[in-house]
Protein backbone atom coordinates (compact mmCIF):
# COMPACT_ATOMS: atom_id res chain seq x y z
CA MET A 1 0.00 0.00 0.00
CA PHE A 2 1.28 3.46 -0.94
CA LEU A 3 0.74 5.90 1.92
CA ILE A 4 1.15 9.65 1.69
CA ARG A 5 1.38 11.74 4.83
CA LYS A 6 -0.62 14.94 4.56
CA GLU A 7 2.43 17.20 5.00
CA GLU A 8 4.22 15.47 2.09
CA ALA A 9 1.60 16.68 -0.41
CA PHE A 10 1.99 20.41 0.23
CA PRO A 11 4.51 22.55 -1.66
CA ASP A 12 6.71 25.08 0.10
CA TYR A 13 6.03 27.63 -2.65
CA ASN A 14 3.35 28.10 -5.33
CA TYR A 15 3.72 29.95 -8.61
CA ASN A 16 1.45 30.29 -11.59
CA HIS A 17 4.13 29.66 -14.22
CA ILE A 18 7.80 28.69 -14.31
CA LEU A 19 8.66 32.04 -15.91
CA ASP A 20 7.28 33.79 -12.82
CA ILE A 21 10.15 32.35 -10.73
CA THR A 22 13.22 34.59 -10.65
CA PRO A 23 16.78 33.88 -9.55
CA ASP A 24 16.13 36.15 -6.56
CA ASP A 25 13.12 33.99 -5.63
CA ILE A 26 15.26 30.84 -5.78
CA LYS A 27 17.97 32.44 -3.65
CA ALA A 28 15.39 33.72 -1.14
CA MET A 29 14.20 30.11 -0.73
CA GLY A 30 17.73 29.19 0.30
CA ALA A 31 18.37 27.21 -2.88
CA LYS A 32 21.60 27.04 -4.85
CA ALA A 33 20.22 24.67 -7.49
CA VAL A 34 17.01 23.87 -9.35
CA ALA A 35 15.72 20.44 -10.32
CA LEU A 36 13.27 21.04 -13.14
CA ASP A 37 10.41 18.84 -14.29
CA LEU A 38 9.60 18.86 -18.02
CA ASP A 39 6.00 17.79 -18.72
CA ASN A 40 3.49 20.58 -18.16
CA THR A 41 6.23 22.66 -16.51
CA ALA A 42 8.90 23.51 -19.13
CA ALA A 43 7.22 21.86 -22.12
CA GLU A 44 3.71 20.76 -22.97
CA PHE A 45 3.03 17.12 -22.20
CA GLY A 46 4.86 14.89 -24.69
CA SER A 47 6.20 17.83 -26.72
CA PHE A 48 9.75 17.98 -28.05
CA HIS A 49 9.72 21.79 -27.83
CA LEU A 50 10.16 24.01 -24.80
CA ILE A 51 7.56 26.65 -24.17
CA ASP A 52 8.61 30.16 -25.11
CA GLY A 53 10.95 31.73 -22.60
CA VAL A 54 12.25 28.59 -20.86
CA LYS A 55 15.61 28.62 -22.63
CA GLU A 56 16.16 32.23 -21.55
CA TRP A 57 14.86 31.44 -18.05
CA THR A 58 17.42 28.64 -17.75
CA GLU A 59 20.24 30.86 -19.03
CA ASN A 60 19.23 33.57 -16.55
CA MET A 61 19.28 31.11 -13.64
CA ILE A 62 22.73 29.82 -14.62
CA ALA A 63 24.08 33.36 -15.17
CA SER A 64 22.86 34.18 -11.64
CA GLY A 65 24.90 31.32 -10.18
CA ILE A 66 22.03 28.85 -9.81
CA LYS A 67 22.69 25.32 -11.04
CA VAL A 68 19.90 23.79 -13.14
CA MET A 69 19.22 20.14 -13.93
CA ILE A 70 16.26 18.33 -15.50
CA ILE A 71 14.61 15.59 -13.45
CA SER A 72 11.76 14.03 -15.38
CA ASN A 73 9.82 10.82 -15.66
CA THR A 74 10.08 11.17 -19.45
CA TRP A 75 12.13 8.93 -21.73
CA ILE A 76 15.82 9.50 -22.45
CA SER A 77 15.60 10.71 -26.06
CA ARG A 78 13.06 13.40 -25.20
CA ALA A 79 15.02 14.54 -22.13
CA PHE A 80 18.15 14.72 -24.29
CA ILE A 81 16.46 16.83 -26.98
CA LEU A 82 14.90 19.24 -24.48
CA SER A 83 18.16 19.46 -22.54
CA ARG A 84 19.96 20.55 -25.72
CA GLN A 85 17.36 23.29 -26.21
CA MET A 86 18.24 24.51 -22.71
CA GLY A 87 21.95 24.79 -23.44
CA GLY A 88 22.87 21.17 -22.82
CA ILE A 89 22.13 21.05 -19.10
CA ALA A 90 22.37 17.70 -17.32
CA PHE A 91 19.27 15.55 -17.05
CA ILE A 92 17.90 12.47 -15.33
CA PRO A 93 15.22 10.70 -17.39
CA TRP A 94 12.96 7.95 -16.06
CA SER A 95 13.46 9.52 -12.67
CA LEU A 96 10.87 7.37 -10.88
CA LYS A 97 9.40 10.33 -8.99
CA PRO A 98 7.96 10.26 -6.33
CA LEU A 99 10.89 8.08 -5.32
CA THR A 100 13.76 10.26 -4.13
CA ILE A 101 16.72 8.57 -5.80
CA SER A 102 16.82 11.03 -8.71
CA LEU A 103 16.82 14.04 -6.39
CA ARG A 104 19.60 12.54 -4.28
CA THR A 105 21.59 11.81 -7.45
CA ALA A 106 21.03 15.35 -8.74
CA ALA A 107 22.13 16.93 -5.46
CA ARG A 108 25.36 14.92 -5.54
CA TYR A 109 25.96 15.79 -9.20
CA LEU A 110 25.28 19.49 -8.60
CA ASP A 111 27.34 19.44 -5.39
CA VAL A 112 24.58 20.85 -3.16
CA GLU A 113 22.71 19.61 -0.12
CA LEU A 114 19.19 18.35 -0.78
CA SER A 115 17.91 21.22 1.35
CA GLU A 116 19.62 23.64 -1.06
CA MET A 117 17.82 22.31 -4.15
CA ALA A 118 14.41 23.49 -5.32
CA MET A 119 12.35 20.91 -7.21
CA ILE A 120 10.05 22.77 -9.60
CA GLY A 121 7.13 20.85 -11.05
CA ASP A 122 3.40 20.74 -11.63
CA LYS A 123 2.34 17.47 -10.01
CA LEU A 124 1.67 17.00 -6.31
CA SER A 125 1.80 13.20 -6.71
CA SER A 126 5.32 13.11 -8.18
CA ASP A 127 7.31 16.36 -8.13
CA ILE A 128 6.15 17.81 -4.82
CA LEU A 129 5.97 14.46 -3.06
CA ALA A 130 9.51 13.57 -4.18
CA ALA A 131 10.85 16.96 -3.09
CA ASN A 132 9.25 16.74 0.34
CA ARG A 133 10.38 13.18 0.91
CA ALA A 134 13.95 14.04 -0.14
CA GLY A 135 14.12 17.13 2.05
CA SER A 136 14.33 19.51 -0.91
CA ILE A 137 12.40 22.71 -1.46
CA ALA A 138 9.06 21.90 -3.12
CA VAL A 139 7.97 24.49 -5.70
CA LYS A 140 4.68 23.92 -7.51
CA VAL A 141 3.64 25.60 -10.73
CA GLN A 142 0.27 25.33 -12.42
CA PRO A 143 0.27 22.71 -15.17
CA LEU A 144 0.65 24.27 -18.61
CA SER A 145 -2.45 22.41 -19.75
CA ALA A 146 -4.49 24.11 -17.02
CA LEU A 147 -3.06 27.53 -17.87
CA LYS A 148 -3.95 26.99 -21.53
CA ARG A 149 -7.50 25.93 -20.65
CA ASN A 150 -7.92 28.96 -18.36
CA SER A 151 -6.63 31.30 -21.06
CA GLU A 152 -8.96 29.81 -23.68
CA ALA A 153 -11.94 30.04 -21.31
CA ALA A 154 -11.17 33.69 -20.51
CA GLN A 155 -10.86 34.51 -24.20
CA PHE A 156 -14.18 32.80 -24.90
CA LEU A 157 -15.94 34.56 -22.04
CA PHE A 158 -14.37 37.99 -22.26
CA GLY A 159 -12.93 38.24 -25.77
CA SER A 160 -9.33 39.10 -26.54
CA ALA A 161 -7.64 41.80 -24.49
CA LYS A 162 -6.89 45.07 -26.27
């Protein structure tokens, strides 16, 4: 039986979108590194293309002294392709989240303590749970699919903004 303690399911921080998170935000959390989910966080589910702005977001984090690594349950070829679009950052595919082994591996690779790594993702049942169980900083963003649906609904209801 798979048991989840209530406190494991809550993120430390909530943001609407990955692009809303700044290097100053990451540093204020006490993080020196970011573990980044792909699906519905940096790319649409199953897509081989990053959403607009993620490449620049990654470059900005790295330029600010924050280490960035992909940790995703996706397959290796997709993680490789998306990693190259982000400047060739390291990645862990088939990460088995919510198990913590990928976060522990990433922390060792990035040479940071688990408590100094922010796991950014959209799913409570994998990203946030893994971060909390590993002792990392859990940062939840809204899934891209939900943001797209909300945007389409607002456009339908209120028309396009001028």
